[in-house]
Amino acid sequence: MEKPLLEFTNKGIYCSAAKVYIDPWKPVNNAIITHGHADHSRAGNKRYITHHRNVPIITHRLGEINVNGKEWGETFTINGVQFSLHPAGHIIGSSQVRVAHKGEVWVFSGDYKTENDGISTTFEPLKCHTFITECTFGLPAFKWTPQVEVFSAINEWWAQNQSDGKTSILFGYSLGKAQRLLKYLDTDIGKIYTHGAIENMTEVLRPLVDFPKTSRITHETKKEALLGNIVLAPPSAHGSTWIRKMVPYETASASGWMTFRGARRRRAVDKGFVLSDHCDWQGLIKSIKATEAEKIICTHGYSDIFSRYLREQGYDARTEETQYEGELAELNAAKEEPKTIP
């Protein structure tokens, strides 16, 4: 029986015809990387290929690596197999990987979202025979509010806290979510302060995006200077000694998981804003329909439920196990982000 163009192995998604892995979770010789989040770009590979906007991100996170940056839509051939990278809209530099060989086309979505966030290149639907999709928020309960309304609510929350003489502390993953929040904070309200992990990553991305001015919090930063202003921090900073020095404050989390009240209680935050860098239920369905693919492979997230729904709609859909975490990576951010100021 002929091998599929892409197969799921114990090291990652593998193209045996090209001897290349996509987002491998174990060290390999040749890796194509969709984006810079830690569950998709790992250390130890001999050679990396990724979009050129992702190059500074993964070199910041992984150190000195052998990496080749590509443009959107640029075709490169490995052992007769054609590859190209296309916008995923997830975070800056995030890609889908198109693989074509002997008349067959597969697309691996990586992580993706369809809403234009204004800082990452907008998702581009690709026609293919087989589409590998994430299902992070693959339940009908997940339905995103347009981001302009979410950011209006965030700025209103900040202004109210300022009126109450409190510091606003807003949690978001240090790569992607934090910069999306930063882009739309209203600096007419006050100053934006950042945790070291977020400031470090934002400095890497400033050459690519026009962000508002920020001030890194250091040991010399006085609590009085923070009052009425806003602090961007990774989820791992919550409950740390670093944050306790900012009393009085109000906390909030920006995440797709804030759809559920229980998630806000578990994170022990005062306010939850529903903002995700992944597709909601309708976004997933519309994206899959646009690919015109007959075969759908569902990976991380609510993959069982979502694949069952797709089968009911007539798709040849199944699930595959991976080590990708989707937005659960936010909950596990403590693995890679310091809890204290660098």
Foldseek 3Di string as FASTA:
>chain_A
DDDDCWDQDPQAIARVLQREHEQGPDEEAHYEFQAQDPSRDDPHHQEYEFAPQRVLRNCVVHPDHHYDHDHAPDWDDGNQKIWGWHFQQLFARGTWIWIDHPHFIEIENQFHAQDNLPQHDHHDFAAGAEYEDECAAQDQLQDDDRVVVLLVVVQVVLLVQLVVFAFEEEADALGGGLQSNQQRHDCVQHAEEEFQSNVVSVVSCCVRDPGDDYHYDDPPDALNNRTSYYYYYALLLPPPPQCVRNPPHAYEYEELVVSDVVVCVVSVHPYYGRDHSGYHNVRVVVSVVSNVHQEYEYEHHPQVVNQVVVVVVPGNYDYDYDSDHGVCCSVVVCVRDDNHGD
